Protein backbone atom coordinates (compact mmCIF):
# COMPACT_ATOMS: atom_id res chain seq x y z
CA UNK A 1 -58.53 -22.35 223.34
CA UNK A 2 -56.92 -19.39 222.68
CA UNK A 3 -55.34 -18.18 219.45
CA UNK A 4 -58.05 -14.93 218.82
CA UNK A 5 -57.63 -11.45 218.70
CA UNK A 6 -58.64 -8.17 219.22
CA UNK A 7 -58.35 -5.05 217.27
CA UNK A 8 -59.53 -1.66 216.68
CA UNK A 9 -59.90 1.39 215.07
CA UNK A 10 -60.83 5.03 215.43
CA UNK A 11 -62.45 6.79 212.17
CA UNK A 12 -63.17 10.37 212.64
CA UNK A 13 -66.73 10.83 210.96
CA UNK A 14 -66.99 15.04 211.03
CA UNK A 15 -64.10 14.32 208.81
CA UNK A 16 -64.39 11.59 207.54
CA UNK A 17 -61.20 10.04 207.75
CA UNK A 18 -59.39 7.96 209.94
CA UNK A 19 -57.98 9.26 213.47
CA UNK A 20 -54.45 9.29 213.75
CA UNK A 21 -52.81 9.29 217.44
CA UNK A 22 -55.60 8.69 219.33
CA UNK A 23 -53.94 6.75 222.30
CA UNK A 24 -56.01 3.33 223.19
CA UNK A 25 -55.44 1.83 226.69
CA UNK A 26 -57.12 -1.83 227.29
CA UNK A 27 -58.06 -2.74 230.65
CA UNK A 28 -59.23 -6.60 231.61
CA UNK A 29 -61.86 -6.08 234.51
CA UNK A 30 -62.40 -8.13 237.07
CA UNK A 31 -64.93 -7.10 240.02
CA UNK A 32 -64.00 -3.79 240.67
CA UNK A 33 -60.31 -4.27 239.59
CA UNK A 34 -59.60 -2.75 236.36
CA UNK A 35 -55.75 -4.16 235.05
CA UNK A 36 -53.82 -2.52 232.54
CA UNK A 37 -52.65 -4.78 229.78
CA UNK A 38 -52.21 -2.86 226.89
CA UNK A 39 -51.33 0.64 225.21
CA UNK A 40 -51.41 1.60 221.91
CA UNK A 41 -51.65 4.52 219.65
CA UNK A 42 -53.64 4.76 216.12
CA UNK A 43 -51.59 5.06 212.65
CA UNK A 44 -52.69 6.82 210.06
CA UNK A 45 -54.91 4.45 209.13
CA UNK A 46 -56.70 5.11 212.23
CA UNK A 47 -55.51 1.14 212.90
CA UNK A 48 -52.92 -0.22 215.84
CA UNK A 49 -49.96 -1.19 214.26
CA UNK A 50 -51.06 -4.48 215.53
CA UNK A 51 -53.73 -6.36 217.53
CA UNK A 52 -54.25 -5.52 221.06
CA UNK A 53 -54.69 -9.16 222.22
CA UNK A 54 -53.24 -11.86 220.69
CA UNK A 55 -52.66 -15.97 221.03
CA UNK A 56 -52.45 -17.08 224.21
CA UNK A 57 -52.76 -12.92 225.99
CA UNK A 58 -56.89 -13.66 225.06
CA UNK A 59 -58.58 -15.31 227.39
CA UNK A 60 -62.61 -14.88 228.47
CA UNK A 61 -63.41 -12.35 230.60
CA UNK A 62 -64.66 -8.33 230.71
CA UNK A 63 -62.61 -6.22 228.87
CA UNK A 64 -62.70 -2.08 228.80
CA UNK A 65 -60.77 -0.24 225.99
CA UNK A 66 -60.31 3.98 227.04
CA UNK A 67 -59.86 5.93 223.55
CA UNK A 68 -58.34 9.56 224.91
CA UNK A 69 -60.00 11.27 222.40
CA UNK A 70 -60.09 14.58 224.06
CA UNK A 71 -56.36 15.20 222.59
CA UNK A 72 -56.88 14.40 219.14
CA UNK A 73 -60.20 16.53 218.53
CA UNK A 74 -57.95 19.43 220.51
CA UNK A 75 -55.35 18.73 217.83
CA UNK A 76 -57.13 18.57 214.75
CA UNK A 77 -59.15 21.69 215.89
CA UNK A 78 -62.05 20.42 216.15
CA UNK A 79 -62.54 21.79 220.08
CA UNK A 80 -61.81 24.18 221.85
CA UNK A 81 -59.08 24.17 225.19
CA UNK A 82 -61.96 24.35 227.40
CA UNK A 83 -64.10 21.18 229.29
CA UNK A 84 -65.43 18.88 226.13
CA UNK A 85 -67.92 17.22 225.79
CA UNK A 86 -65.87 13.82 224.73
CA UNK A 87 -62.91 13.39 226.23
CA UNK A 88 -62.10 10.03 227.49
CA UNK A 89 -64.37 6.97 225.87
CA UNK A 90 -64.74 3.64 227.32
CA UNK A 91 -65.67 0.83 225.88
CA UNK A 92 -66.57 -2.34 228.32
CA UNK A 93 -67.16 -5.56 226.05
CA UNK A 94 -67.08 -9.49 226.94
CA UNK A 95 -64.90 -11.85 224.75
CA UNK A 96 -66.59 -15.35 225.62
CA UNK A 97 -64.70 -17.53 222.98
CA UNK A 98 -60.47 -16.42 223.60
CA UNK A 99 -59.98 -18.78 219.78
CA UNK A 100 -62.59 -15.69 218.01
CA UNK A 101 -61.49 -12.67 216.09
CA UNK A 102 -62.95 -9.37 218.14
CA UNK A 103 -62.74 -6.20 216.12
CA UNK A 104 -64.41 -2.87 218.58
CA UNK A 105 -64.12 0.34 216.44
CA UNK A 106 -65.20 3.31 217.48
CA UNK A 107 -67.01 6.06 215.20
CA UNK A 108 -65.83 9.21 216.84
CA UNK A 109 -67.19 12.67 216.37
CA UNK A 110 -66.31 15.95 219.01
CA UNK A 111 -70.06 15.55 219.93
CA UNK A 112 -70.83 12.02 219.47
CA UNK A 113 -70.04 8.13 219.12
CA UNK A 114 -70.61 4.34 218.11
CA UNK A 115 -69.51 1.32 218.16
CA UNK A 116 -70.02 -2.13 217.33
CA UNK A 117 -68.31 -5.57 216.73
CA UNK A 118 -67.13 -5.40 213.30
CA UNK A 119 -64.98 -8.46 211.63
């Protein structure tokens, strides 16, 4: 049954505020195949302007969100121009119920991150 949605947001834990301007790409995973199905950029509140998946676009399966954190960390002055400890951050997760709401936040700093299933 379709009708759920997938959302995300990014909080910059080093600066204590939402992370604006992070490009997020969503892939559907099937075996060794990654198929890009959505892309968004975080707004001033660290959120995307709309859900990444909603309604009939939701489907059970495996997914991967890739957060382009390196560009944000450089722009915000938290890291230099060299090789970064964190650049692109992939988070792979499953959607077992296409009718449910899945929220996958990213808590980010230049040297660490965490995630969880939010509400």
